[in-house]
Amino acid sequence: MSSVTTITDTEVETEVLKANQPVLVYFWASWCGPCRLMSPLIDWVADNYSDRLKVVKMEVDPNPATVKLYQVEGVPAIRLVQGNEVLEASEGAIGKQKLVSLLDTHL
């Protein structure tokens, strides 16, 4: 069983940019209702894609540098990143089918 790693602005370089596999970055906020709906899905991805993907989550309010870097305008948001390249971006709550489709396209 895999887990989702919580990161901050200071950890983006080591946890995302220098990762040796694609990284799903999940942006969320404590005041965001749809984020609470997405969290179990993000955990499911971490459990089921751990052999091909690293999953991290970041709270938007205390981490403005990364929010700006990935041009996050609303939460929940996800960015599928490999190195310095954003392979896929999505904002707003999405269902399991759409997320699986999005991931399977790149993995």
PDB file of N, CA and C in Angstrom:
ATOM      1  N   MET A   1       0.830  -1.182   0.000  1.00  0.00           N
ATOM      2  CA  MET A   1       0.000   0.000   0.000  1.00  0.00           C
ATOM      3  C   MET A   1       0.876   1.247   0.000  1.00  0.00           C
ATOM      4  N   SER A   2       0.600   2.119  -0.901  1.00  0.00           N
ATOM      5  CA  SER A   2       1.382   3.341  -1.040  1.00  0.00           C
ATOM      6  C   SER A   2       0.693   4.462  -0.269  1.00  0.00           C
ATOM      7  N   SER A   3       1.382   5.564  -0.138  1.00  0.00           N
ATOM      8  CA  SER A   3       0.758   6.702   0.519  1.00  0.00           C
ATOM      9  C   SER A   3       1.053   7.973  -0.262  1.00  0.00           C
ATOM     10  N   VAL A   4       0.245   8.960  -0.002  1.00  0.00           N
ATOM     11  CA  VAL A   4       0.418  10.258  -0.628  1.00  0.00           C
ATOM     12  C   VAL A   4       1.344  11.075   0.264  1.00  0.00           C
ATOM     13  N   THR A   5       2.378  11.644  -0.316  1.00  0.00           N
ATOM     14  CA  THR A   5       3.329  12.465   0.424  1.00  0.00           C
ATOM     15  C   THR A   5       2.878  13.918   0.386  1.00  0.00           C
ATOM     16  N   THR A   6       2.822  14.549   1.551  1.00  0.00           N
ATOM     17  CA  THR A   6       2.493  15.969   1.612  1.00  0.00           C
ATOM     18  C   THR A   6       3.789  16.761   1.484  1.00  0.00           C
ATOM     19  N   ILE A   7       3.794  17.722   0.550  1.00  0.00           N
ATOM     20  CA  ILE A   7       5.010  18.504   0.328  1.00  0.00           C
ATOM     21  C   ILE A   7       4.720  20.005   0.438  1.00  0.00           C
ATOM     22  N   THR A   8       5.807  20.776   0.522  1.00  0.00           N
ATOM     23  CA  THR A   8       5.729  22.234   0.574  1.00  0.00           C
ATOM     24  C   THR A   8       6.585  22.808  -0.553  1.00  0.00           C
ATOM     25  N   ASP A   9       6.545  24.127  -0.700  1.00  0.00           N
ATOM     26  CA  ASP A   9       7.350  24.803  -1.726  1.00  0.00           C
ATOM     27  C   ASP A   9       8.811  24.356  -1.693  1.00  0.00           C
ATOM     28  N   THR A  10       9.370  24.200  -0.503  1.00  0.00           N
ATOM     29  CA  THR A  10      10.793  23.888  -0.386  1.00  0.00           C
ATOM     30  C   THR A  10      11.143  22.471  -0.847  1.00  0.00           C
ATOM     31  N   GLU A  11      10.140  21.613  -0.959  1.00  0.00           N
ATOM     32  CA  GLU A  11      10.401  20.216  -1.339  1.00  0.00           C
ATOM     33  C   GLU A  11      10.101  19.904  -2.808  1.00  0.00           C
ATOM     34  N   VAL A  12       9.614  20.870  -3.552  1.00  0.00           N
ATOM     35  CA  VAL A  12       9.214  20.625  -4.940  1.00  0.00           C
ATOM     36  C   VAL A  12      10.380  20.144  -5.784  1.00  0.00           C
ATOM     37  N   GLU A  13      11.529  20.756  -5.630  1.00  0.00           N
ATOM     38  CA  GLU A  13      12.669  20.367  -6.464  1.00  0.00           C
ATOM     39  C   GLU A  13      13.030  18.900  -6.252  1.00  0.00           C
ATOM     40  N   THR A  14      13.158  18.469  -5.003  1.00  0.00           N
ATOM     41  CA  THR A  14      13.564  17.089  -4.752  1.00  0.00           C
ATOM     42  C   THR A  14      12.428  16.094  -4.980  1.00  0.00           C
ATOM     43  N   GLU A  15      11.222  16.440  -4.586  1.00  0.00           N
ATOM     44  CA  GLU A  15      10.102  15.490  -4.656  1.00  0.00           C
ATOM     45  C   GLU A  15       9.435  15.423  -6.032  1.00  0.00           C
ATOM     46  N   VAL A  16       9.472  16.513  -6.799  1.00  0.00           N
ATOM     47  CA  VAL A  16       8.775  16.557  -8.083  1.00  0.00           C
ATOM     48  C   VAL A  16       9.760  16.671  -9.249  1.00  0.00           C
ATOM     49  N   LEU A  17      10.532  17.740  -9.275  1.00  0.00           N
ATOM     50  CA  LEU A  17      11.388  18.012 -10.431  1.00  0.00           C
ATOM     51  C   LEU A  17      12.489  16.973 -10.630  1.00  0.00           C
ATOM     52  N   LYS A  18      13.013  16.416  -9.542  1.00  0.00           N
ATOM     53  CA  LYS A  18      14.095  15.435  -9.652  1.00  0.00           C
ATOM     54  C   LYS A  18      13.617  14.000  -9.445  1.00  0.00           C
ATOM     55  N   ALA A  19      12.323  13.783  -9.447  1.00  0.00           N
ATOM     56  CA  ALA A  19      11.785  12.425  -9.271  1.00  0.00           C
ATOM     57  C   ALA A  19      12.154  11.578 -10.483  1.00  0.00           C
ATOM     58  N   ASN A  20      12.368  10.283 -10.259  1.00  0.00           N
ATOM     59  CA  ASN A  20      12.762   9.403 -11.358  1.00  0.00           C
ATOM     60  C   ASN A  20      11.564   8.755 -12.046  1.00  0.00           C
ATOM     61  N   GLN A  21      10.367   9.233 -11.756  1.00  0.00           N
ATOM     62  CA  GLN A  21       9.164   8.766 -12.428  1.00  0.00           C
ATOM     63  C   GLN A  21       8.168   9.928 -12.476  1.00  0.00           C
ATOM     64  N   PRO A  22       7.105   9.823 -13.266  1.00  0.00           N
ATOM     65  CA  PRO A  22       6.118  10.903 -13.293  1.00  0.00           C
ATOM     66  C   PRO A  22       5.537  11.143 -11.896  1.00  0.00           C
ATOM     67  N   VAL A  23       5.129  12.383 -11.642  1.00  0.00           N
ATOM     68  CA  VAL A  23       4.571  12.752 -10.341  1.00  0.00           C
ATOM     69  C   VAL A  23       3.198  13.381 -10.554  1.00  0.00           C
ATOM     70  N   LEU A  24       2.217  12.884  -9.820  1.00  0.00           N
ATOM     71  CA  LEU A  24       0.899  13.504  -9.797  1.00  0.00           C
ATOM     72  C   LEU A  24       0.886  14.452  -8.607  1.00  0.00           C
ATOM     73  N   VAL A  25       0.781  15.756  -8.884  1.00  0.00           N
ATOM     74  CA  VAL A  25       0.734  16.759  -7.823  1.00  0.00           C
ATOM     75  C   VAL A  25      -0.721  17.156  -7.648  1.00  0.00           C
ATOM     76  N   TYR A  26      -1.241  16.944  -6.454  1.00  0.00           N
ATOM     77  CA  TYR A  26      -2.626  17.258  -6.127  1.00  0.00           C
ATOM     78  C   TYR A  26      -2.643  18.512  -5.262  1.00  0.00           C
ATOM     79  N   PHE A  27      -3.243  19.576  -5.787  1.00  0.00           N
ATOM     80  CA  PHE A  27      -3.354  20.842  -5.062  1.00  0.00           C
ATOM     81  C   PHE A  27      -4.716  20.903  -4.397  1.00  0.00           C
ATOM     82  N   TRP A  28      -4.743  21.265  -3.118  1.00  0.00           N
ATOM     83  CA  TRP A  28      -5.991  21.281  -2.367  1.00  0.00           C
ATOM     84  C   TRP A  28      -5.972  22.416  -1.347  1.00  0.00           C
ATOM     85  N   ALA A  29      -7.117  22.625  -0.683  1.00  0.00           N
ATOM     86  CA  ALA A  29      -7.222  23.615   0.386  1.00  0.00           C
ATOM     87  C   ALA A  29      -8.179  23.082   1.447  1.00  0.00           C
ATOM     88  N   SER A  30      -7.921  23.427   2.691  1.00  0.00           N
ATOM     89  CA  SER A  30      -8.746  22.926   3.792  1.00  0.00           C
ATOM     90  C   SER A  30     -10.183  23.438   3.721  1.00  0.00           C
ATOM     91  N   TRP A  31     -10.389  24.600   3.098  1.00  0.00           N
ATOM     92  CA  TRP A  31     -11.722  25.200   3.008  1.00  0.00           C
ATOM     93  C   TRP A  31     -12.488  24.745   1.765  1.00  0.00           C
ATOM     94  N   CYS A  32     -11.904  23.850   0.983  1.00  0.00           N
ATOM     95  CA  CYS A  32     -12.464  23.451  -0.320  1.00  0.00           C
ATOM     96  C   CYS A  32     -13.296  22.169  -0.195  1.00  0.00           C
ATOM     97  N   GLY A  33     -14.613  22.297  -0.372  1.00  0.00           N
ATOM     98  CA  GLY A  33     -15.501  21.142  -0.320  1.00  0.00           C
ATOM     99  C   GLY A  33     -15.186  20.082  -1.366  1.00  0.00           C
ATOM    100  N   PRO A  34     -15.059  20.468  -2.660  1.00  0.00           N
ATOM    101  CA  PRO A  34     -14.735  19.470  -3.684  1.00  0.00           C
ATOM    102  C   PRO A  34     -13.408  18.746  -3.428  1.00  0.00           C
ATOM    103  N   CYS A  35     -12.484  19.407  -2.727  1.00  0.00           N
ATOM    104  CA  CYS A  35     -11.208  18.756  -2.403  1.00  0.00           C
ATOM    105  C   CYS A  35     -11.443  17.544  -1.500  1.00  0.00           C
ATOM    106  N   ARG A  36     -12.402  17.667  -0.584  1.00  0.00           N
ATOM    107  CA  ARG A  36     -12.710  16.539   0.298  1.00  0.00           C
ATOM    108  C   ARG A  36     -13.267  15.358  -0.499  1.00  0.00           C
ATOM    109  N   LEU A  37     -13.958  15.647  -1.592  1.00  0.00           N
ATOM    110  CA  LEU A  37     -14.471  14.584  -2.450  1.00  0.00           C
ATOM    111  C   LEU A  37     -13.350  13.914  -3.244  1.00  0.00           C
ATOM    112  N   MET A  38     -12.349  14.694  -3.622  1.00  0.00           N
ATOM    113  CA  MET A  38     -11.240  14.175  -4.443  1.00  0.00           C
ATOM    114  C   MET A  38     -10.198  13.397  -3.636  1.00  0.00           C
ATOM    115  N   SER A  39     -10.045  13.709  -2.365  1.00  0.00           N
ATOM    116  CA  SER A  39      -8.975  13.102  -1.562  1.00  0.00           C
ATOM    117  C   SER A  39      -8.969  11.572  -1.587  1.00  0.00           C
ATOM    118  N   PRO A  40     -10.128  10.898  -1.417  1.00  0.00           N
ATOM    119  CA  PRO A  40     -10.095   9.428  -1.483  1.00  0.00           C
ATOM    120  C   PRO A  40      -9.654   8.906  -2.851  1.00  0.00           C
ATOM    121  N   LEU A  41      -9.984   9.635  -3.905  1.00  0.00           N
ATOM    122  CA  LEU A  41      -9.574   9.242  -5.256  1.00  0.00           C
ATOM    123  C   LEU A  41      -8.064   9.375  -5.421  1.00  0.00           C
ATOM    124  N   ILE A  42      -7.498  10.428  -4.866  1.00  0.00           N
ATOM    125  CA  ILE A  42      -6.041  10.619  -4.923  1.00  0.00           C
ATOM    126  C   ILE A  42      -5.348   9.490  -4.156  1.00  0.00           C
ATOM    127  N   ASP A  43      -5.905   9.114  -3.004  1.00  0.00           N
ATOM    128  CA  ASP A  43      -5.356   7.984  -2.242  1.00  0.00           C
ATOM    129  C   ASP A  43      -5.440   6.696  -3.056  1.00  0.00           C
ATOM    130  N   TRP A  44      -6.544   6.505  -3.767  1.00  0.00           N
ATOM    131  CA  TRP A  44      -6.716   5.316  -4.615  1.00  0.00           C
ATOM    132  C   TRP A  44      -5.641   5.278  -5.702  1.00  0.00           C
ATOM    133  N   VAL A  45      -5.381   6.435  -6.317  1.00  0.00           N
ATOM    134  CA  VAL A  45      -4.341   6.503  -7.343  1.00  0.00           C
ATOM    135  C   VAL A  45      -2.991   6.123  -6.742  1.00  0.00           C
ATOM    136  N   ALA A  46      -2.684   6.649  -5.571  1.00  0.00           N
ATOM    137  CA  ALA A  46      -1.412   6.334  -4.916  1.00  0.00           C
ATOM    138  C   ALA A  46      -1.292   4.834  -4.667  1.00  0.00           C
ATOM    139  N   ASP A  47      -2.384   4.201  -4.276  1.00  0.00           N
ATOM    140  CA  ASP A  47      -2.364   2.765  -4.006  1.00  0.00           C
ATOM    141  C   ASP A  47      -2.263   1.931  -5.281  1.00  0.00           C
ATOM    142  N   ASN A  48      -2.901   2.348  -6.350  1.00  0.00           N
ATOM    143  CA  ASN A  48      -3.016   1.532  -7.553  1.00  0.00           C
ATOM    144  C   ASN A  48      -2.003   1.847  -8.652  1.00  0.00           C
ATOM    145  N   TYR A  49      -1.345   3.001  -8.574  1.00  0.00           N
ATOM    146  CA  TYR A  49      -0.382   3.379  -9.603  1.00  0.00           C
ATOM    147  C   TYR A  49       1.032   3.533  -9.038  1.00  0.00           C
ATOM    148  N   SER A  50       1.255   3.052  -7.833  1.00  0.00           N
ATOM    149  CA  SER A  50       2.534   3.300  -7.164  1.00  0.00           C
ATOM    150  C   SER A  50       3.728   2.723  -7.921  1.00  0.00           C
ATOM    151  N   ASP A  51       3.515   1.734  -8.781  1.00  0.00           N
ATOM    152  CA  ASP A  51       4.615   1.172  -9.546  1.00  0.00           C
ATOM    153  C   ASP A  51       5.026   2.060 -10.715  1.00  0.00           C
ATOM    154  N   ARG A  52       4.162   2.993 -11.117  1.00  0.00           N
ATOM    155  CA  ARG A  52       4.434   3.830 -12.294  1.00  0.00           C
ATOM    156  C   ARG A  52       4.424   5.320 -11.998  1.00  0.00           C
ATOM    157  N   LEU A  53       4.061   5.693 -10.783  1.00  0.00           N
ATOM    158  CA  LEU A  53       3.745   7.089 -10.508  1.00  0.00           C
ATOM    159  C   LEU A  53       3.980   7.416  -9.040  1.00  0.00           C
ATOM    160  N   LYS A  54       4.474   8.604  -8.796  1.00  0.00           N
ATOM    161  CA  LYS A  54       4.589   9.126  -7.432  1.00  0.00           C
ATOM    162  C   LYS A  54       3.444  10.112  -7.235  1.00  0.00           C
ATOM    163  N   VAL A  55       2.808  10.089  -6.072  1.00  0.00           N
ATOM    164  CA  VAL A  55       1.691  10.993  -5.799  1.00  0.00           C
ATOM    165  C   VAL A  55       2.040  11.875  -4.605  1.00  0.00           C
ATOM    166  N   VAL A  56       1.938  13.191  -4.821  1.00  0.00           N
ATOM    167  CA  VAL A  56       2.173  14.150  -3.741  1.00  0.00           C
ATOM    168  C   VAL A  56       0.990  15.110  -3.670  1.00  0.00           C
ATOM    169  N   LYS A  57       0.780  15.668  -2.489  1.00  0.00           N
ATOM    170  CA  LYS A  57      -0.267  16.677  -2.368  1.00  0.00           C
ATOM    171  C   LYS A  57       0.302  17.915  -1.711  1.00  0.00           C
ATOM    172  N   MET A  58      -0.290  19.050  -2.073  1.00  0.00           N
ATOM    173  CA  MET A  58       0.187  20.323  -1.591  1.00  0.00           C
ATOM    174  C   MET A  58      -0.988  21.241  -1.290  1.00  0.00           C
ATOM    175  N   GLU A  59      -0.992  21.786  -0.091  1.00  0.00           N
ATOM    176  CA  GLU A  59      -2.022  22.761   0.260  1.00  0.00           C
ATOM    177  C   GLU A  59      -1.647  24.085  -0.393  1.00  0.00           C
ATOM    178  N   VAL A  60      -2.607  24.700  -1.082  1.00  0.00           N
ATOM    179  CA  VAL A  60      -2.286  25.881  -1.891  1.00  0.00           C
ATOM    180  C   VAL A  60      -1.939  27.118  -1.070  1.00  0.00           C
ATOM    181  N   ASP A  61      -2.668  27.390  -0.002  1.00  0.00           N
ATOM    182  CA  ASP A  61      -2.489  28.657   0.720  1.00  0.00           C
ATOM    183  C   ASP A  61      -1.075  28.882   1.261  1.00  0.00           C
ATOM    184  N   PRO A  62      -0.432  27.891   1.903  1.00  0.00           N
ATOM    185  CA  PRO A  62       0.920  28.137   2.420  1.00  0.00           C
ATOM    186  C   PRO A  62       2.045  27.941   1.393  1.00  0.00           C
ATOM    187  N   ASN A  63       1.713  27.636   0.148  1.00  0.00           N
ATOM    188  CA  ASN A  63       2.740  27.324  -0.853  1.00  0.00           C
ATOM    189  C   ASN A  63       2.552  28.112  -2.145  1.00  0.00           C
ATOM    190  N   PRO A  64       2.608  29.444  -2.072  1.00  0.00           N
ATOM    191  CA  PRO A  64       2.312  30.271  -3.250  1.00  0.00           C
ATOM    192  C   PRO A  64       3.302  30.120  -4.395  1.00  0.00           C
ATOM    193  N   ALA A  65       4.544  29.793  -4.117  1.00  0.00           N
ATOM    194  CA  ALA A  65       5.535  29.693  -5.196  1.00  0.00           C
ATOM    195  C   ALA A  65       5.196  28.553  -6.154  1.00  0.00           C
ATOM    196  N   THR A  66       4.838  27.413  -5.608  1.00  0.00           N
ATOM    197  CA  THR A  66       4.507  26.263  -6.456  1.00  0.00           C
ATOM    198  C   THR A  66       3.172  26.472  -7.151  1.00  0.00           C
ATOM    199  N   VAL A  67       2.229  27.077  -6.459  1.00  0.00           N
ATOM    200  CA  VAL A  67       0.930  27.396  -7.067  1.00  0.00           C
ATOM    201  C   VAL A  67       1.150  28.280  -8.292  1.00  0.00           C
ATOM    202  N   LYS A  68       2.033  29.258  -8.163  1.00  0.00           N
ATOM    203  CA  LYS A  68       2.340  30.151  -9.287  1.00  0.00           C
ATOM    204  C   LYS A  68       3.084  29.392 -10.392  1.00  0.00           C
ATOM    205  N   LEU A  69       4.060  28.580 -10.001  1.00  0.00           N
ATOM    206  CA  LEU A  69       4.853  27.818 -10.960  1.00  0.00           C
ATOM    207  C   LEU A  69       3.968  26.962 -11.867  1.00  0.00           C
ATOM    208  N   TYR A  70       2.985  26.303 -11.268  1.00  0.00           N
ATOM    209  CA  TYR A  70       2.104  25.410 -12.029  1.00  0.00           C
ATOM    210  C   TYR A  70       0.791  26.068 -12.440  1.00  0.00           C
ATOM    211  N   GLN A  71       0.717  27.390 -12.258  1.00  0.00           N
ATOM    212  CA  GLN A  71      -0.430  28.188 -12.704  1.00  0.00           C
ATOM    213  C   GLN A  71      -1.764  27.618 -12.224  1.00  0.00           C
ATOM    214  N   VAL A  72      -1.816  27.288 -10.938  1.00  0.00           N
ATOM    215  CA  VAL A  72      -3.043  26.769 -10.342  1.00  0.00           C
ATOM    216  C   VAL A  72      -3.968  27.944 -10.061  1.00  0.00           C
ATOM    217  N   GLU A  73      -5.146  27.920 -10.652  1.00  0.00           N
ATOM    218  CA  GLU A  73      -6.108  29.013 -10.477  1.00  0.00           C
ATOM    219  C   GLU A  73      -7.310  28.615  -9.636  1.00  0.00           C
ATOM    220  N   GLY A  74      -7.501  27.333  -9.426  1.00  0.00           N
ATOM    221  CA  GLY A  74      -8.613  26.861  -8.615  1.00  0.00           C
ATOM    222  C   GLY A  74      -8.287  25.500  -8.043  1.00  0.00           C
ATOM    223  N   VAL A  75      -8.972  25.145  -6.971  1.00  0.00           N
ATOM    224  CA  VAL A  75      -8.759  23.833  -6.356  1.00  0.00           C
ATOM    225  C   VAL A  75     -10.096  23.090  -6.293  1.00  0.00           C
ATOM    226  N   PRO A  76     -10.056  21.778  -6.324  1.00  0.00           N
ATOM    227  CA  PRO A  76      -8.863  20.945  -6.431  1.00  0.00           C
ATOM    228  C   PRO A  76      -8.251  21.039  -7.821  1.00  0.00           C
ATOM    229  N   ALA A  77      -6.952  20.811  -7.876  1.00  0.00           N
ATOM    230  CA  ALA A  77      -6.241  20.825  -9.157  1.00  0.00           C
ATOM    231  C   ALA A  77      -5.211  19.715  -9.150  1.00  0.00           C
ATOM    232  N   ILE A  78      -4.945  19.168 -10.323  1.00  0.00           N
ATOM    233  CA  ILE A  78      -3.884  18.177 -10.445  1.00  0.00           C
ATOM    234  C   ILE A  78      -2.971  18.560 -11.601  1.00  0.00           C
ATOM    235  N   ARG A  79      -1.718  18.216 -11.428  1.00  0.00           N
ATOM    236  CA  ARG A  79      -0.727  18.384 -12.475  1.00  0.00           C
ATOM    237  C   ARG A  79       0.045  17.079 -12.538  1.00  0.00           C
ATOM    238  N   LEU A  80       0.136  16.512 -13.729  1.00  0.00           N
ATOM    239  CA  LEU A  80       0.970  15.339 -13.944  1.00  0.00           C
ATOM    240  C   LEU A  80       2.282  15.849 -14.512  1.00  0.00           C
ATOM    241  N   VAL A  81       3.352  15.667 -13.764  1.00  0.00           N
ATOM    242  CA  VAL A  81       4.632  16.293 -14.078  1.00  0.00           C
ATOM    243  C   VAL A  81       5.701  15.225 -14.262  1.00  0.00           C
ATOM    244  N   GLN A  82       6.531  15.429 -15.273  1.00  0.00           N
ATOM    245  CA  GLN A  82       7.728  14.605 -15.427  1.00  0.00           C
ATOM    246  C   GLN A  82       8.877  15.553 -15.684  1.00  0.00           C
ATOM    247  N   GLY A  83       9.815  15.600 -14.736  1.00  0.00           N
ATOM    248  CA  GLY A  83      10.913  16.562 -14.827  1.00  0.00           C
ATOM    249  C   GLY A  83      10.352  17.973 -14.770  1.00  0.00           C
ATOM    250  N   ASN A  84      10.710  18.786 -15.767  1.00  0.00           N
ATOM    251  CA  ASN A  84      10.214  20.163 -15.814  1.00  0.00           C
ATOM    252  C   ASN A  84       8.974  20.303 -16.685  1.00  0.00           C
ATOM    253  N   GLU A  85       8.454  19.192 -17.200  1.00  0.00           N
ATOM    254  CA  GLU A  85       7.338  19.240 -18.132  1.00  0.00           C
ATOM    255  C   GLU A  85       6.024  18.846 -17.467  1.00  0.00           C
ATOM    256  N   VAL A  86       4.994  19.662 -17.688  1.00  0.00           N
ATOM    257  CA  VAL A  86       3.650  19.315 -17.235  1.00  0.00           C
ATOM    258  C   VAL A  86       2.990  18.513 -18.354  1.00  0.00           C
ATOM    259  N   LEU A  87       2.746  17.235 -18.103  1.00  0.00           N
ATOM    260  CA  LEU A  87       2.162  16.356 -19.112  1.00  0.00           C
ATOM    261  C   LEU A  87       0.650  16.553 -19.222  1.00  0.00           C
ATOM    262  N   GLU A  88       0.030  16.868 -18.091  1.00  0.00           N
ATOM    263  CA  GLU A  88      -1.429  17.002 -18.054  1.00  0.00           C
ATOM    264  C   GLU A  88      -1.790  17.922 -16.902  1.00  0.00           C
ATOM    265  N   ALA A  89      -2.859  18.691 -17.089  1.00  0.00           N
ATOM    266  CA  ALA A  89      -3.327  19.606 -16.043  1.00  0.00           C
ATOM    267  C   ALA A  89      -4.845  19.559 -15.999  1.00  0.00           C
ATOM    268  N   SER A  90      -5.391  19.617 -14.802  1.00  0.00           N
ATOM    269  CA  SER A  90      -6.839  19.622 -14.638  1.00  0.00           C
ATOM    270  C   SER A  90      -7.179  20.422 -13.388  1.00  0.00           C
ATOM    271  N   GLU A  91      -8.256  21.187 -13.469  1.00  0.00           N
ATOM    272  CA  GLU A  91      -8.728  21.926 -12.305  1.00  0.00           C
ATOM    273  C   GLU A  91     -10.196  21.616 -12.098  1.00  0.00           C
ATOM    274  N   GLY A  92     -10.595  21.594 -10.840  1.00  0.00           N
ATOM    275  CA  GLY A  92     -11.955  21.219 -10.494  1.00  0.00           C
ATOM    276  C   GLY A  92     -12.021  19.731 -10.190  1.00  0.00           C
ATOM    277  N   ALA A  93     -13.069  19.335  -9.493  1.00  0.00           N
ATOM    278  CA  ALA A  93     -13.238  17.924  -9.142  1.00  0.00           C
ATOM    279  C   ALA A  93     -13.502  17.115 -10.407  1.00  0.00           C
ATOM    280  N   ILE A  94     -12.843  15.975 -10.513  1.00  0.00           N
ATOM    281  CA  ILE A  94     -13.078  15.070 -11.639  1.00  0.00           C
ATOM    282  C   ILE A  94     -13.358  13.679 -11.091  1.00  0.00           C
ATOM    283  N   GLY A  95     -14.028  12.886 -11.875  1.00  0.00           N
ATOM    284  CA  GLY A  95     -14.374  11.533 -11.463  1.00  0.00           C
ATOM    285  C   GLY A  95     -13.239  10.548 -11.702  1.00  0.00           C
ATOM    286  N   LYS A  96     -13.428   9.370 -11.164  1.00  0.00           N
ATOM    287  CA  LYS A  96     -12.414   8.318 -11.268  1.00  0.00           C
ATOM    288  C   LYS A  96     -12.123   7.964 -12.725  1.00  0.00           C
ATOM    289  N   GLN A  97     -13.176   7.826 -13.546  1.00  0.00           N
ATOM    290  CA  GLN A  97     -12.972   7.454 -14.948  1.00  0.00           C
ATOM    291  C   GLN A  97     -12.090   8.462 -15.677  1.00  0.00           C
ATOM    292  N   LYS A  98     -12.365   9.738 -15.471  1.00  0.00           N
ATOM    293  CA  LYS A  98     -11.588  10.779 -16.153  1.00  0.00           C
ATOM    294  C   LYS A  98     -10.144  10.784 -15.666  1.00  0.00           C
ATOM    295  N   LEU A  99      -9.953  10.613 -14.373  1.00  0.00           N
ATOM    296  CA  LEU A  99      -8.598  10.613 -13.826  1.00  0.00           C
ATOM    297  C   LEU A  99      -7.814   9.405 -14.330  1.00  0.00           C
ATOM    298  N   VAL A 100      -8.438   8.249 -14.342  1.00  0.00           N
ATOM    299  CA  VAL A 100      -7.767   7.036 -14.837  1.00  0.00           C
ATOM    300  C   VAL A 100      -7.405   7.220 -16.316  1.00  0.00           C
ATOM    301  N   SER A 101      -8.308   7.767 -17.102  1.00  0.00           N
ATOM    302  CA  SER A 101      -8.052   8.011 -18.513  1.00  0.00           C
ATOM    303  C   SER A 101      -6.876   8.974 -18.707  1.00  0.00           C
ATOM    304  N   LEU A 102      -6.878  10.038 -17.920  1.00  0.00           N
ATOM    305  CA  LEU A 102      -5.820  11.027 -17.967  1.00  0.00           C
ATOM    306  C   LEU A 102      -4.462  10.387 -17.644  1.00  0.00           C
ATOM    307  N   LEU A 103      -4.412   9.556 -16.611  1.00  0.00           N
ATOM    308  CA  LEU A 103      -3.161   8.919 -16.215  1.00  0.00           C
ATOM    309  C   LEU A 103      -2.719   7.872 -17.237  1.00  0.00           C
ATOM    310  N   ASP A 104      -3.664   7.046 -17.686  1.00  0.00           N
ATOM    311  CA  ASP A 104      -3.324   5.959 -18.607  1.00  0.00           C
ATOM    312  C   ASP A 104      -2.813   6.486 -19.940  1.00  0.00           C
ATOM    313  N   THR A 105      -3.196   7.697 -20.317  1.00  0.00           N
ATOM    314  CA  THR A 105      -2.707   8.303 -21.545  1.00  0.00           C
ATOM    315  C   THR A 105      -1.191   8.510 -21.491  1.00  0.00           C
ATOM    316  N   HIS A 106      -0.662   8.778 -20.298  1.00  0.00           N
ATOM    317  CA  HIS A 106       0.756   9.136 -20.168  1.00  0.00           C
ATOM    318  C   HIS A 106       1.633   8.079 -19.521  1.00  0.00           C
ATOM    319  N   LEU A 107       1.030   7.055 -18.951  1.00  0.00           N
ATOM    320  CA  LEU A 107       1.834   6.067 -18.219  1.00  0.00           C
ATOM    321  C   LEU A 107       1.949   4.747 -18.957  1.00  0.00           C
TER     322      LEU A 107
END
